[in-house]
Amino acid sequence: MTGNLPSAPLQTTLLRVDEPAALPAALPALGFKQPRPTLVIIGGASKLSDADFAKVTQLFTGVIAPFAQDRQLTVVDGGTDAGVMRLIGQGRASIDGDFPLVGVAPVGLVDLPEYADGASAESCPLEPHHTHCLLVPGDQWGDESWWMAAVATQLAGSCGSAAVVVNGGEITWKDAAAHAEAGRPLLVIAGSGRTADIIAAAARGEAADPRATQLVATHKLQVVELAQPEALKDRLNDIF
């Protein structure tokens, strides 16, 4: 584990963790010394119509960010400036939120000035409204999946935790499986497209991708319709 790194975006505090054994010390080093209720955001925001993208955006600005602020949840995601990570960052900013927003990103894919590990053509900048980011081993998207689940488990401790699944592509399958394996409820936003819709269809008993069937078998899925954002708030209230 190394200390804070140079050239952090805005006020994001960065910490590099090189092996799982270092994780228990990493979060207290970032200031997370007590268990906190924790919400994980996984998925994406691709191939949505303009109308559905507006609904997904409203889900973050009108439900998820305000709920996290009201309950002072710690929110965990992939940290980069894209998709749902950008939406929760912008949602937090839109309400002047101060809840912790923690990214977990592969060190080999993060574009940080003066930081050689982030030199890949696929590298992305960090979303600037995140308060913290853990840089973990990896140079492929999905290398962070296990780490995100482990970070959320350690942050939550005996407090409640859940993961919200919005849209998403191939990596979302890996993320969802990691959180289900960790025993975390998955709130799947039906109508948000792609992976989330395939999982929701399987939960309704429709023929689906075998990976979705495996997720259903964990009994960790709860399906929420994108068109009914207040239903997500109700589910979050039940958990937190």
C-alpha atoms as a PDB file:
ATOM      1  CA  MET A   1       0.000   0.000   0.000  1.00  0.00           C
ATOM      2  CA  THR A   2       1.309   3.440  -0.866  1.00  0.00           C
ATOM      3  CA  GLY A   3       0.260   6.870   0.279  1.00  0.00           C
ATOM      4  CA  ASN A   4      -1.607   9.635  -1.519  1.00  0.00           C
ATOM      5  CA  LEU A   5      -0.556  10.041  -5.132  1.00  0.00           C
ATOM      6  CA  PRO A   6       0.179  13.277  -7.009  1.00  0.00           C
ATOM      7  CA  SER A   7      -2.164  15.035  -9.427  1.00  0.00           C
ATOM      8  CA  ALA A   8      -5.458  13.920  -7.871  1.00  0.00           C
ATOM      9  CA  PRO A   9      -8.534  15.362  -9.638  1.00  0.00           C
ATOM     10  CA  LEU A  10     -10.054  18.186  -7.602  1.00  0.00           C
ATOM     11  CA  GLN A  11     -10.203  16.984  -3.982  1.00  0.00           C
ATOM     12  CA  THR A  12     -10.215  13.237  -4.639  1.00  0.00           C
ATOM     13  CA  THR A  13      -7.987  11.402  -2.153  1.00  0.00           C
ATOM     14  CA  LEU A  14      -6.078   8.585  -3.843  1.00  0.00           C
ATOM     15  CA  LEU A  15      -4.613   5.469  -2.322  1.00  0.00           C
ATOM     16  CA  ARG A  16      -2.971   2.565  -4.092  1.00  0.00           C
ATOM     17  CA  VAL A  17      -3.492  -0.952  -2.742  1.00  0.00           C
ATOM     18  CA  ASP A  18      -1.312  -3.652  -4.229  1.00  0.00           C
ATOM     19  CA  GLU A  19      -2.554  -6.817  -2.523  1.00  0.00           C
ATOM     20  CA  PRO A  20      -5.675  -8.022  -0.687  1.00  0.00           C
ATOM     21  CA  ALA A  21      -3.801  -8.270   2.609  1.00  0.00           C
ATOM     22  CA  ALA A  22      -3.329  -4.478   2.546  1.00  0.00           C
ATOM     23  CA  LEU A  23      -7.044  -3.711   2.228  1.00  0.00           C
ATOM     24  CA  PRO A  24      -7.947  -3.846   5.953  1.00  0.00           C
ATOM     25  CA  ALA A  25      -5.468  -1.032   6.616  1.00  0.00           C
ATOM     26  CA  ALA A  26      -6.275   0.966   3.490  1.00  0.00           C
ATOM     27  CA  LEU A  27      -9.788   2.136   4.357  1.00  0.00           C
ATOM     28  CA  PRO A  28      -8.929   3.379   7.864  1.00  0.00           C
ATOM     29  CA  ALA A  29      -6.000   5.195   6.235  1.00  0.00           C
ATOM     30  CA  LEU A  30      -8.570   7.015   4.095  1.00  0.00           C
ATOM     31  CA  GLY A  31     -10.554   7.972   7.193  1.00  0.00           C
ATOM     32  CA  PHE A  32     -13.116   5.144   7.218  1.00  0.00           C
ATOM     33  CA  LYS A  33     -12.533   3.940  10.762  1.00  0.00           C
ATOM     34  CA  GLN A  34     -16.094   2.815  11.622  1.00  0.00           C
ATOM     35  CA  PRO A  35     -18.586   0.652   9.683  1.00  0.00           C
ATOM     36  CA  ARG A  36     -20.898   2.687   7.454  1.00  0.00           C
ATOM     37  CA  PRO A  37     -24.031   1.749   5.492  1.00  0.00           C
ATOM     38  CA  THR A  38     -22.792   1.288   1.947  1.00  0.00           C
ATOM     39  CA  LEU A  39     -24.423   1.457  -1.467  1.00  0.00           C
ATOM     40  CA  VAL A  40     -22.635   0.135  -4.562  1.00  0.00           C
ATOM     41  CA  ILE A  41     -23.423   1.350  -8.084  1.00  0.00           C
ATOM     42  CA  ILE A  42     -22.635  -1.034 -10.942  1.00  0.00           C
ATOM     43  CA  GLY A  43     -23.523  -1.062 -14.619  1.00  0.00           C
ATOM     44  CA  GLY A  44     -23.333   1.475 -17.417  1.00  0.00           C
ATOM     45  CA  ALA A  45     -25.382   3.943 -19.411  1.00  0.00           C
ATOM     46  CA  SER A  46     -24.984   2.884 -23.033  1.00  0.00           C
ATOM     47  CA  LYS A  47     -27.444   2.335 -25.872  1.00  0.00           C
ATOM     48  CA  LEU A  48     -30.267   4.157 -24.098  1.00  0.00           C
ATOM     49  CA  SER A  49     -32.818   6.265 -25.937  1.00  0.00           C
ATOM     50  CA  ASP A  50     -32.810   9.945 -25.019  1.00  0.00           C
ATOM     51  CA  ALA A  51     -35.982   9.406 -23.003  1.00  0.00           C
ATOM     52  CA  ASP A  52     -34.581   6.452 -21.064  1.00  0.00           C
ATOM     53  CA  PHE A  53     -31.272   8.221 -20.477  1.00  0.00           C
ATOM     54  CA  ALA A  54     -33.228  11.110 -18.973  1.00  0.00           C
ATOM     55  CA  LYS A  55     -35.039   8.644 -16.692  1.00  0.00           C
ATOM     56  CA  VAL A  56     -31.766   7.035 -15.604  1.00  0.00           C
ATOM     57  CA  THR A  57     -30.271  10.459 -14.928  1.00  0.00           C
ATOM     58  CA  GLN A  58     -33.307  11.393 -12.849  1.00  0.00           C
ATOM     59  CA  LEU A  59     -32.941   8.144 -10.904  1.00  0.00           C
ATOM     60  CA  PHE A  60     -29.511   9.334  -9.783  1.00  0.00           C
ATOM     61  CA  THR A  61     -30.307  12.995  -9.204  1.00  0.00           C
ATOM     62  CA  GLY A  62     -33.796  12.486  -7.797  1.00  0.00           C
ATOM     63  CA  VAL A  63     -33.513   9.254  -5.810  1.00  0.00           C
ATOM     64  CA  ILE A  64     -30.050   7.744  -5.327  1.00  0.00           C
ATOM     65  CA  ALA A  65     -27.997  10.850  -4.535  1.00  0.00           C
ATOM     66  CA  PRO A  66     -30.641  12.412  -2.233  1.00  0.00           C
ATOM     67  CA  PHE A  67     -31.132   9.095  -0.404  1.00  0.00           C
ATOM     68  CA  ALA A  68     -27.380   8.686   0.059  1.00  0.00           C
ATOM     69  CA  GLN A  69     -27.180  12.243   1.367  1.00  0.00           C
ATOM     70  CA  ASP A  70     -30.119  11.849   3.742  1.00  0.00           C
ATOM     71  CA  ARG A  71     -28.801   8.573   5.203  1.00  0.00           C
ATOM     72  CA  GLN A  72     -25.124   9.522   4.866  1.00  0.00           C
ATOM     73  CA  LEU A  73     -24.365   6.341   2.980  1.00  0.00           C
ATOM     74  CA  THR A  74     -20.952   5.636   1.592  1.00  0.00           C
ATOM     75  CA  VAL A  75     -21.344   5.048  -2.152  1.00  0.00           C
ATOM     76  CA  VAL A  76     -18.885   2.806  -4.010  1.00  0.00           C
ATOM     77  CA  ASP A  77     -18.420   2.468  -7.780  1.00  0.00           C
ATOM     78  CA  GLY A  78     -15.718   2.177 -10.427  1.00  0.00           C
ATOM     79  CA  GLY A  79     -14.571   5.768 -10.056  1.00  0.00           C
ATOM     80  CA  THR A  80     -13.961   6.715 -13.691  1.00  0.00           C
ATOM     81  CA  ASP A  81     -15.601   9.571 -15.573  1.00  0.00           C
ATOM     82  CA  ALA A  82     -18.080   7.502 -17.578  1.00  0.00           C
ATOM     83  CA  GLY A  83     -21.520   5.922 -17.387  1.00  0.00           C
ATOM     84  CA  VAL A  84     -23.108   5.452 -13.988  1.00  0.00           C
ATOM     85  CA  MET A  85     -19.952   6.684 -12.222  1.00  0.00           C
ATOM     86  CA  ARG A  86     -20.343  10.036 -13.951  1.00  0.00           C
ATOM     87  CA  LEU A  87     -24.073  10.085 -13.190  1.00  0.00           C
ATOM     88  CA  ILE A  88     -23.662   9.517  -9.443  1.00  0.00           C
ATOM     89  CA  GLY A  89     -20.828  12.059  -9.338  1.00  0.00           C
ATOM     90  CA  GLN A  90     -22.955  14.634 -11.098  1.00  0.00           C
ATOM     91  CA  GLY A  91     -25.953  13.693  -8.955  1.00  0.00           C
ATOM     92  CA  ARG A  92     -23.935  14.299  -5.799  1.00  0.00           C
ATOM     93  CA  ALA A  93     -22.768  17.657  -7.144  1.00  0.00           C
ATOM     94  CA  SER A  94     -26.282  18.679  -8.177  1.00  0.00           C
ATOM     95  CA  ILE A  95     -27.514  18.474  -4.580  1.00  0.00           C
ATOM     96  CA  ASP A  96     -24.288  19.794  -3.035  1.00  0.00           C
ATOM     97  CA  GLY A  97     -23.954  16.428  -1.324  1.00  0.00           C
ATOM     98  CA  ASP A  98     -21.224  15.583   1.139  1.00  0.00           C
ATOM     99  CA  PHE A  99     -21.656  11.809   1.402  1.00  0.00           C
ATOM    100  CA  PRO A 100     -18.451   9.838   0.710  1.00  0.00           C
ATOM    101  CA  LEU A 101     -18.176   8.675  -2.894  1.00  0.00           C
ATOM    102  CA  VAL A 102     -15.470   6.033  -3.295  1.00  0.00           C
ATOM    103  CA  GLY A 103     -14.134   4.797  -6.614  1.00  0.00           C
ATOM    104  CA  VAL A 104     -12.302   1.491  -7.043  1.00  0.00           C
ATOM    105  CA  ALA A 105     -10.345   1.385 -10.305  1.00  0.00           C
ATOM    106  CA  PRO A 106      -7.587  -0.714 -11.925  1.00  0.00           C
ATOM    107  CA  VAL A 107      -4.335   1.187 -11.615  1.00  0.00           C
ATOM    108  CA  GLY A 108      -3.329   0.292 -15.168  1.00  0.00           C
ATOM    109  CA  LEU A 109      -6.410   1.952 -16.652  1.00  0.00           C
ATOM    110  CA  VAL A 110      -6.588   5.212 -14.730  1.00  0.00           C
ATOM    111  CA  ASP A 111      -5.426   8.306 -16.581  1.00  0.00           C
ATOM    112  CA  LEU A 112      -3.509  10.355 -14.038  1.00  0.00           C
ATOM    113  CA  PRO A 113      -0.856  12.884 -15.049  1.00  0.00           C
ATOM    114  CA  GLU A 114       2.641  11.853 -13.994  1.00  0.00           C
ATOM    115  CA  TYR A 115       1.422   8.355 -13.164  1.00  0.00           C
ATOM    116  CA  ALA A 116       2.929   5.776 -15.522  1.00  0.00           C
ATOM    117  CA  ASP A 117       0.534   2.907 -14.756  1.00  0.00           C
ATOM    118  CA  GLY A 118      -2.266   4.829 -16.447  1.00  0.00           C
ATOM    119  CA  ALA A 119      -0.644   4.914 -19.887  1.00  0.00           C
ATOM    120  CA  SER A 120      -3.008   2.435 -21.621  1.00  0.00           C
ATOM    121  CA  ALA A 121      -4.933   3.545 -24.697  1.00  0.00           C
ATOM    122  CA  GLU A 122      -8.076   2.437 -22.812  1.00  0.00           C
ATOM    123  CA  SER A 123      -7.306   4.488 -19.720  1.00  0.00           C
ATOM    124  CA  CYS A 124      -9.915   6.908 -18.388  1.00  0.00           C
ATOM    125  CA  PRO A 125      -9.791   9.935 -16.108  1.00  0.00           C
ATOM    126  CA  LEU A 126     -11.335   9.717 -12.664  1.00  0.00           C
ATOM    127  CA  GLU A 127     -14.759  11.274 -12.144  1.00  0.00           C
ATOM    128  CA  PRO A 128     -13.949  14.587 -10.400  1.00  0.00           C
ATOM    129  CA  HIS A 129     -16.716  14.575  -7.769  1.00  0.00           C
ATOM    130  CA  HIS A 130     -15.523  11.388  -6.082  1.00  0.00           C
ATOM    131  CA  THR A 131     -14.113  11.993  -2.642  1.00  0.00           C
ATOM    132  CA  HIS A 132     -11.796   8.969  -2.591  1.00  0.00           C
ATOM    133  CA  CYS A 133     -10.370   6.446  -5.018  1.00  0.00           C
ATOM    134  CA  LEU A 134      -8.607   3.163  -4.359  1.00  0.00           C
ATOM    135  CA  LEU A 135      -6.286   2.169  -7.177  1.00  0.00           C
ATOM    136  CA  VAL A 136      -6.098  -1.616  -7.300  1.00  0.00           C
ATOM    137  CA  PRO A 137      -4.042  -4.094  -9.343  1.00  0.00           C
ATOM    138  CA  GLY A 138      -5.097  -4.653 -12.933  1.00  0.00           C
ATOM    139  CA  ASP A 139      -4.846  -3.506 -16.509  1.00  0.00           C
ATOM    140  CA  GLN A 140      -8.193  -4.790 -17.796  1.00  0.00           C
ATOM    141  CA  TRP A 141     -11.715  -3.610 -17.011  1.00  0.00           C
ATOM    142  CA  GLY A 142     -13.206  -6.130 -14.623  1.00  0.00           C
ATOM    143  CA  ASP A 143      -9.991  -6.579 -12.654  1.00  0.00           C
ATOM    144  CA  GLU A 144     -11.593  -4.286 -10.080  1.00  0.00           C
ATOM    145  CA  SER A 145     -14.764  -6.378  -9.612  1.00  0.00           C
ATOM    146  CA  TRP A 146     -13.549  -8.474  -6.678  1.00  0.00           C
ATOM    147  CA  TRP A 147     -11.979  -5.411  -5.097  1.00  0.00           C
ATOM    148  CA  MET A 148     -15.195  -3.376  -5.272  1.00  0.00           C
ATOM    149  CA  ALA A 149     -17.108  -6.130  -3.488  1.00  0.00           C
ATOM    150  CA  ALA A 150     -14.375  -6.493  -0.859  1.00  0.00           C
ATOM    151  CA  VAL A 151     -14.218  -2.724  -0.277  1.00  0.00           C
ATOM    152  CA  ALA A 152     -17.996  -2.542   0.159  1.00  0.00           C
ATOM    153  CA  THR A 153     -17.950  -5.464   2.596  1.00  0.00           C
ATOM    154  CA  GLN A 154     -15.261  -3.858   4.710  1.00  0.00           C
ATOM    155  CA  LEU A 155     -16.890  -0.430   4.638  1.00  0.00           C
ATOM    156  CA  ALA A 156     -20.296  -1.775   5.642  1.00  0.00           C
ATOM    157  CA  GLY A 157     -19.182  -4.156   8.352  1.00  0.00           C
ATOM    158  CA  SER A 158     -22.301  -4.866  10.403  1.00  0.00           C
ATOM    159  CA  CYS A 159     -24.233  -2.041   8.711  1.00  0.00           C
ATOM    160  CA  GLY A 160     -26.523  -2.561   5.730  1.00  0.00           C
ATOM    161  CA  SER A 161     -25.303  -2.690   2.149  1.00  0.00           C
ATOM    162  CA  ALA A 162     -26.794  -3.141  -1.305  1.00  0.00           C
ATOM    163  CA  ALA A 163     -25.798  -2.850  -4.963  1.00  0.00           C
ATOM    164  CA  VAL A 164     -27.861  -1.093  -7.630  1.00  0.00           C
ATOM    165  CA  VAL A 165     -27.527  -2.567 -11.131  1.00  0.00           C
ATOM    166  CA  VAL A 166     -28.235  -0.118 -13.960  1.00  0.00           C
ATOM    167  CA  ASN A 167     -27.878  -1.027 -17.647  1.00  0.00           C
ATOM    168  CA  GLY A 168     -24.339  -2.373 -18.086  1.00  0.00           C
ATOM    169  CA  GLY A 169     -22.323  -4.608 -20.384  1.00  0.00           C
ATOM    170  CA  GLU A 170     -20.028  -7.605 -19.991  1.00  0.00           C
ATOM    171  CA  ILE A 171     -18.197  -6.346 -16.898  1.00  0.00           C
ATOM    172  CA  THR A 172     -21.521  -5.876 -15.106  1.00  0.00           C
ATOM    173  CA  TRP A 173     -21.976  -9.660 -15.047  1.00  0.00           C
ATOM    174  CA  LYS A 174     -18.709 -10.043 -13.173  1.00  0.00           C
ATOM    175  CA  ASP A 175     -19.562  -7.164 -10.812  1.00  0.00           C
ATOM    176  CA  ALA A 176     -23.029  -8.519 -10.033  1.00  0.00           C
ATOM    177  CA  ALA A 177     -21.709 -12.025  -9.362  1.00  0.00           C
ATOM    178  CA  ALA A 178     -19.048 -10.663  -6.990  1.00  0.00           C
ATOM    179  CA  HIS A 179     -21.614  -8.740  -4.933  1.00  0.00           C
ATOM    180  CA  ALA A 180     -24.084 -11.628  -4.850  1.00  0.00           C
ATOM    181  CA  GLU A 181     -21.282 -13.921  -3.697  1.00  0.00           C
ATOM    182  CA  ALA A 182     -20.546 -11.397  -0.943  1.00  0.00           C
ATOM    183  CA  GLY A 183     -24.182 -11.751   0.180  1.00  0.00           C
ATOM    184  CA  ARG A 184     -25.218  -8.276  -0.957  1.00  0.00           C
ATOM    185  CA  PRO A 185     -28.760  -7.572  -2.236  1.00  0.00           C
ATOM    186  CA  LEU A 186     -28.857  -6.599  -5.915  1.00  0.00           C
ATOM    187  CA  LEU A 187     -31.465  -3.993  -6.835  1.00  0.00           C
ATOM    188  CA  VAL A 188     -31.823  -4.463 -10.587  1.00  0.00           C
ATOM    189  CA  ILE A 189     -33.293  -1.535 -12.529  1.00  0.00           C
ATOM    190  CA  ALA A 190     -35.560  -3.098 -15.161  1.00  0.00           C
ATOM    191  CA  GLY A 191     -36.031  -0.913 -18.211  1.00  0.00           C
ATOM    192  CA  SER A 192     -32.537   0.561 -17.978  1.00  0.00           C
ATOM    193  CA  GLY A 193     -31.305  -1.710 -20.769  1.00  0.00           C
ATOM    194  CA  ARG A 194     -28.757  -4.380 -21.581  1.00  0.00           C
ATOM    195  CA  THR A 195     -27.478  -6.516 -18.687  1.00  0.00           C
ATOM    196  CA  ALA A 196     -29.948  -5.159 -16.121  1.00  0.00           C
ATOM    197  CA  ASP A 197     -32.877  -6.047 -18.387  1.00  0.00           C
ATOM    198  CA  ILE A 198     -31.554  -9.554 -19.040  1.00  0.00           C
ATOM    199  CA  ILE A 199     -31.219 -10.151 -15.280  1.00  0.00           C
ATOM    200  CA  ALA A 200     -34.687  -8.719 -14.644  1.00  0.00           C
ATOM    201  CA  ALA A 201     -36.180 -11.010 -17.310  1.00  0.00           C
ATOM    202  CA  ALA A 202     -34.581 -14.030 -15.628  1.00  0.00           C
ATOM    203  CA  ALA A 203     -35.999 -12.933 -12.282  1.00  0.00           C
ATOM    204  CA  ARG A 204     -39.451 -12.952 -13.912  1.00  0.00           C
ATOM    205  CA  GLY A 205     -38.896 -16.546 -14.997  1.00  0.00           C
ATOM    206  CA  GLU A 206     -38.170 -15.838 -18.648  1.00  0.00           C
ATOM    207  CA  ALA A 207     -35.486 -17.742 -20.542  1.00  0.00           C
ATOM    208  CA  ALA A 208     -32.240 -15.867 -20.182  1.00  0.00           C
ATOM    209  CA  ASP A 209     -28.477 -15.886 -20.239  1.00  0.00           C
ATOM    210  CA  PRO A 210     -27.156 -18.667 -17.934  1.00  0.00           C
ATOM    211  CA  ARG A 211     -25.301 -16.009 -15.957  1.00  0.00           C
ATOM    212  CA  ALA A 212     -28.634 -14.379 -15.147  1.00  0.00           C
ATOM    213  CA  THR A 213     -30.081 -17.721 -14.090  1.00  0.00           C
ATOM    214  CA  GLN A 214     -27.148 -18.189 -11.723  1.00  0.00           C
ATOM    215  CA  LEU A 215     -27.792 -14.765 -10.199  1.00  0.00           C
ATOM    216  CA  VAL A 216     -31.467 -15.599  -9.685  1.00  0.00           C
ATOM    217  CA  ALA A 217     -30.419 -18.758  -7.853  1.00  0.00           C
ATOM    218  CA  THR A 218     -28.570 -16.654  -5.248  1.00  0.00           C
ATOM    219  CA  HIS A 219     -31.921 -15.199  -4.099  1.00  0.00           C
ATOM    220  CA  LYS A 220     -30.242 -11.796  -3.835  1.00  0.00           C
ATOM    221  CA  LEU A 221     -32.177 -10.095  -6.650  1.00  0.00           C
ATOM    222  CA  GLN A 222     -34.876  -7.464  -6.274  1.00  0.00           C
ATOM    223  CA  VAL A 223     -36.253  -5.957  -9.484  1.00  0.00           C
ATOM    224  CA  VAL A 224     -37.269  -2.293  -9.611  1.00  0.00           C
ATOM    225  CA  GLU A 225     -38.838  -0.697 -12.668  1.00  0.00           C
ATOM    226  CA  LEU A 226     -37.076   2.366 -14.091  1.00  0.00           C
ATOM    227  CA  ALA A 227     -40.495   3.935 -14.630  1.00  0.00           C
ATOM    228  CA  GLN A 228     -41.218   3.692 -10.889  1.00  0.00           C
ATOM    229  CA  PRO A 229     -38.323   5.511  -9.195  1.00  0.00           C
ATOM    230  CA  GLU A 230     -40.126   5.757  -5.854  1.00  0.00           C
ATOM    231  CA  ALA A 231     -40.079   1.962  -5.724  1.00  0.00           C
ATOM    232  CA  LEU A 232     -36.285   2.105  -5.563  1.00  0.00           C
ATOM    233  CA  LYS A 233     -36.508   4.477  -2.621  1.00  0.00           C
ATOM    234  CA  ASP A 234     -38.873   2.037  -0.896  1.00  0.00           C
ATOM    235  CA  ARG A 235     -36.429  -0.845  -1.405  1.00  0.00           C
ATOM    236  CA  LEU A 236     -33.545   1.266  -0.123  1.00  0.00           C
ATOM    237  CA  ASN A 237     -35.603   2.205   2.931  1.00  0.00           C
ATOM    238  CA  ASP A 238     -36.168  -1.498   3.618  1.00  0.00           C
ATOM    239  CA  ILE A 239     -32.420  -2.152   3.549  1.00  0.00           C
ATOM    240  CA  PHE A 240     -31.119   0.963   5.257  1.00  0.00           C
END
